[in-house]
């Protein structure tokens, strides 16, 4: 059972990291916000990757905590 939980946790983290990265890339026109967009493209993508990892991990942890809370409530009622 722990292997399934670990797989679900890893999958959830990766999905939310990917979603947040896609959202950050497509939501703003980052070229307007930085100087020399041609030279700083790699740095900007790396920065957005780090931000999306942090944001995706936080959202995934929140969702997994809510699911664990629901499971604990359901098991305590029955």
N, C-alpha and C. Protein backbone atom coordinates (compact mmCIF):
# COMPACT_ATOMS: atom_id res chain seq x y z
N UNK A 1 0.82 -1.20 0.00
CA UNK A 1 0.00 0.00 0.00
C UNK A 1 0.86 1.26 0.00
N UNK A 2 2.03 1.20 0.65
CA UNK A 2 2.87 2.39 0.69
C UNK A 2 3.47 2.70 -0.69
N UNK A 3 3.71 1.67 -1.49
CA UNK A 3 4.25 1.91 -2.82
C UNK A 3 3.21 2.64 -3.67
N UNK A 4 1.96 2.28 -3.52
CA UNK A 4 0.89 2.97 -4.26
C UNK A 4 0.79 4.42 -3.81
N UNK A 5 0.85 4.65 -2.50
CA UNK A 5 0.79 6.03 -1.99
C UNK A 5 1.98 6.86 -2.47
N UNK A 6 3.16 6.27 -2.50
CA UNK A 6 4.33 6.99 -2.98
C UNK A 6 4.23 7.30 -4.47
N UNK A 7 3.70 6.36 -5.24
CA UNK A 7 3.51 6.58 -6.67
C UNK A 7 2.48 7.68 -6.92
N UNK A 8 1.39 7.68 -6.16
CA UNK A 8 0.37 8.73 -6.31
C UNK A 8 0.95 10.08 -5.91
N UNK A 9 1.73 10.11 -4.86
CA UNK A 9 2.36 11.36 -4.41
C UNK A 9 3.32 11.91 -5.47
N UNK A 10 4.17 11.06 -5.99
CA UNK A 10 5.12 11.48 -7.02
C UNK A 10 4.40 11.95 -8.28
N UNK A 11 3.39 11.21 -8.69
CA UNK A 11 2.62 11.59 -9.87
C UNK A 11 1.92 12.92 -9.66
N UNK A 12 1.35 13.11 -8.49
CA UNK A 12 0.67 14.36 -8.18
C UNK A 12 1.63 15.54 -8.22
N UNK A 13 2.80 15.37 -7.62
CA UNK A 13 3.80 16.44 -7.63
C UNK A 13 4.20 16.79 -9.06
N UNK A 14 4.48 15.78 -9.87
CA UNK A 14 4.92 16.03 -11.24
C UNK A 14 3.83 16.68 -12.08
N UNK A 15 2.59 16.25 -11.90
CA UNK A 15 1.49 16.83 -12.66
C UNK A 15 1.31 18.29 -12.29
N UNK A 16 1.31 18.61 -11.02
CA UNK A 16 1.10 20.00 -10.61
C UNK A 16 2.30 20.88 -10.94
N UNK A 17 3.49 20.33 -10.93
CA UNK A 17 4.66 21.10 -11.36
C UNK A 17 4.55 21.41 -12.85
N UNK A 18 4.16 20.41 -13.63
CA UNK A 18 3.98 20.64 -15.06
C UNK A 18 2.88 21.64 -15.36
N UNK A 19 1.78 21.54 -14.64
CA UNK A 19 0.68 22.49 -14.84
C UNK A 19 1.09 23.91 -14.48
N UNK A 20 1.80 24.06 -13.38
CA UNK A 20 2.21 25.41 -12.98
C UNK A 20 3.25 25.97 -13.94
N UNK A 21 4.14 25.15 -14.47
CA UNK A 21 5.12 25.63 -15.45
C UNK A 21 4.42 26.08 -16.73
N UNK A 22 3.50 25.27 -17.20
CA UNK A 22 2.76 25.64 -18.41
C UNK A 22 1.96 26.92 -18.19
N UNK A 23 1.37 27.06 -17.03
CA UNK A 23 0.60 28.25 -16.73
C UNK A 23 1.51 29.49 -16.66
N UNK A 24 2.66 29.37 -16.03
CA UNK A 24 3.57 30.51 -15.93
C UNK A 24 4.14 30.91 -17.30
N UNK A 25 4.41 29.94 -18.14
CA UNK A 25 4.94 30.24 -19.47
C UNK A 25 3.89 30.92 -20.34
N UNK A 26 2.66 30.42 -20.29
CA UNK A 26 1.65 30.92 -21.21
C UNK A 26 0.86 32.11 -20.68
N UNK A 27 0.95 32.40 -19.41
CA UNK A 27 0.12 33.44 -18.82
C UNK A 27 0.64 34.84 -19.09
N UNK A 28 1.94 35.02 -19.06
CA UNK A 28 2.54 36.34 -19.21
C UNK A 28 3.42 36.39 -20.45
N UNK A 29 3.62 37.59 -20.95
CA UNK A 29 4.63 37.83 -21.98
C UNK A 29 5.89 38.27 -21.26
N UNK A 30 6.73 37.31 -20.93
CA UNK A 30 7.90 37.57 -20.09
C UNK A 30 8.93 38.43 -20.81
N UNK A 31 8.90 38.46 -22.13
CA UNK A 31 9.87 39.26 -22.89
C UNK A 31 9.70 40.75 -22.60
N UNK A 32 8.51 41.17 -22.26
CA UNK A 32 8.27 42.58 -21.95
C UNK A 32 8.79 42.96 -20.57
N UNK A 33 8.98 41.99 -19.70
CA UNK A 33 9.36 42.28 -18.33
C UNK A 33 10.87 42.24 -18.07
N UNK A 34 11.62 41.64 -18.98
CA UNK A 34 13.06 41.52 -18.74
C UNK A 34 13.83 42.32 -19.77
N UNK A 35 15.04 42.70 -19.38
CA UNK A 35 15.93 43.39 -20.30
C UNK A 35 16.66 42.34 -21.14
N UNK A 36 16.92 42.66 -22.38
CA UNK A 36 17.61 41.77 -23.32
C UNK A 36 17.00 40.37 -23.32
N UNK A 37 15.78 40.23 -23.80
CA UNK A 37 15.11 38.92 -23.74
C UNK A 37 15.85 37.82 -24.50
N UNK A 38 16.61 38.18 -25.52
CA UNK A 38 17.33 37.16 -26.28
C UNK A 38 18.45 36.55 -25.43
N UNK A 39 19.15 37.39 -24.68
CA UNK A 39 20.27 36.91 -23.86
C UNK A 39 19.80 36.21 -22.59
N UNK A 40 18.68 36.62 -22.05
CA UNK A 40 18.22 36.10 -20.76
C UNK A 40 17.13 35.04 -20.86
N UNK A 41 16.91 34.48 -22.02
CA UNK A 41 15.85 33.49 -22.18
C UNK A 41 16.11 32.24 -21.34
N UNK A 42 17.34 31.74 -21.37
CA UNK A 42 17.68 30.54 -20.60
C UNK A 42 17.55 30.78 -19.10
N UNK A 43 18.00 31.93 -18.65
CA UNK A 43 17.90 32.26 -17.22
C UNK A 43 16.45 32.39 -16.80
N UNK A 44 15.64 32.99 -17.66
CA UNK A 44 14.23 33.16 -17.35
C UNK A 44 13.52 31.82 -17.28
N UNK A 45 13.81 30.92 -18.20
CA UNK A 45 13.18 29.59 -18.18
C UNK A 45 13.59 28.80 -16.94
N UNK A 46 14.85 28.93 -16.55
CA UNK A 46 15.31 28.25 -15.33
C UNK A 46 14.63 28.82 -14.10
N UNK A 47 14.52 30.15 -14.05
CA UNK A 47 13.82 30.80 -12.94
C UNK A 47 12.36 30.36 -12.88
N UNK A 48 11.69 30.31 -14.02
CA UNK A 48 10.29 29.88 -14.06
C UNK A 48 10.15 28.41 -13.67
N UNK A 49 11.15 27.60 -14.01
CA UNK A 49 11.14 26.20 -13.60
C UNK A 49 11.21 26.08 -12.08
N UNK A 50 12.10 26.86 -11.46
CA UNK A 50 12.21 26.82 -9.99
C UNK A 50 10.92 27.32 -9.32
N UNK A 51 10.34 28.38 -9.86
CA UNK A 51 9.09 28.89 -9.31
C UNK A 51 7.98 27.86 -9.48
N UNK A 52 7.93 27.21 -10.63
CA UNK A 52 6.87 26.23 -10.86
C UNK A 52 7.06 24.99 -9.99
N UNK A 53 8.30 24.62 -9.70
CA UNK A 53 8.54 23.49 -8.80
C UNK A 53 8.01 23.81 -7.41
N UNK A 54 8.31 25.02 -6.93
CA UNK A 54 7.84 25.42 -5.60
C UNK A 54 6.32 25.51 -5.57
N UNK A 55 5.73 26.14 -6.56
CA UNK A 55 4.29 26.31 -6.60
C UNK A 55 3.57 24.98 -6.79
N UNK A 56 4.07 24.16 -7.70
CA UNK A 56 3.45 22.85 -7.95
C UNK A 56 3.53 21.94 -6.74
N UNK A 57 4.67 21.96 -6.04
CA UNK A 57 4.83 21.15 -4.84
C UNK A 57 3.85 21.59 -3.74
N UNK A 58 3.70 22.90 -3.57
CA UNK A 58 2.79 23.41 -2.55
C UNK A 58 1.34 23.04 -2.86
N UNK A 59 0.93 23.20 -4.10
CA UNK A 59 -0.44 22.86 -4.48
C UNK A 59 -0.67 21.36 -4.34
N UNK A 60 0.28 20.57 -4.78
CA UNK A 60 0.15 19.13 -4.67
C UNK A 60 0.08 18.68 -3.21
N UNK A 61 0.92 19.26 -2.38
CA UNK A 61 0.89 18.92 -0.95
C UNK A 61 -0.45 19.28 -0.32
N UNK A 62 -1.00 20.42 -0.72
CA UNK A 62 -2.29 20.82 -0.20
C UNK A 62 -3.38 19.83 -0.62
N UNK A 63 -3.41 19.46 -1.89
CA UNK A 63 -4.41 18.53 -2.38
C UNK A 63 -4.27 17.17 -1.69
N UNK A 64 -3.05 16.69 -1.55
CA UNK A 64 -2.84 15.41 -0.88
C UNK A 64 -3.22 15.47 0.59
N UNK A 65 -3.01 16.60 1.24
CA UNK A 65 -3.42 16.76 2.63
C UNK A 65 -4.94 16.76 2.77
N UNK A 66 -5.61 17.41 1.85
CA UNK A 66 -7.07 17.41 1.87
C UNK A 66 -7.61 15.99 1.64
N UNK A 67 -7.01 15.25 0.71
CA UNK A 67 -7.44 13.87 0.48
C UNK A 67 -7.18 12.99 1.70
N UNK A 68 -6.03 13.16 2.34
CA UNK A 68 -5.72 12.38 3.55
C UNK A 68 -6.69 12.72 4.68
N UNK A 69 -7.04 14.00 4.80
CA UNK A 69 -8.01 14.42 5.81
C UNK A 69 -9.36 13.76 5.55
N UNK A 70 -9.78 13.75 4.29
CA UNK A 70 -11.05 13.11 3.94
C UNK A 70 -11.04 11.62 4.22
N UNK A 71 -9.94 10.97 3.94
CA UNK A 71 -9.83 9.53 4.23
C UNK A 71 -9.88 9.27 5.73
N UNK A 72 -9.21 10.10 6.50
CA UNK A 72 -9.22 9.93 7.96
C UNK A 72 -10.62 10.18 8.53
N UNK A 73 -11.31 11.17 8.00
CA UNK A 73 -12.67 11.44 8.46
C UNK A 73 -13.61 10.30 8.10
N UNK A 74 -13.47 9.77 6.90
CA UNK A 74 -14.32 8.66 6.47
C UNK A 74 -14.06 7.40 7.29
N UNK A 75 -12.78 7.15 7.62
CA UNK A 75 -12.47 5.95 8.41
C UNK A 75 -12.87 6.12 9.86
N UNK A 76 -12.87 7.34 10.39
CA UNK A 76 -13.27 7.54 11.77
C UNK A 76 -14.79 7.48 11.94
N UNK A 77 -15.53 7.82 10.88
CA UNK A 77 -16.99 7.76 10.96
C UNK A 77 -17.48 6.32 10.91
N UNK A 78 -16.87 5.51 10.08
CA UNK A 78 -17.35 4.12 9.95
C UNK A 78 -16.69 3.18 10.91
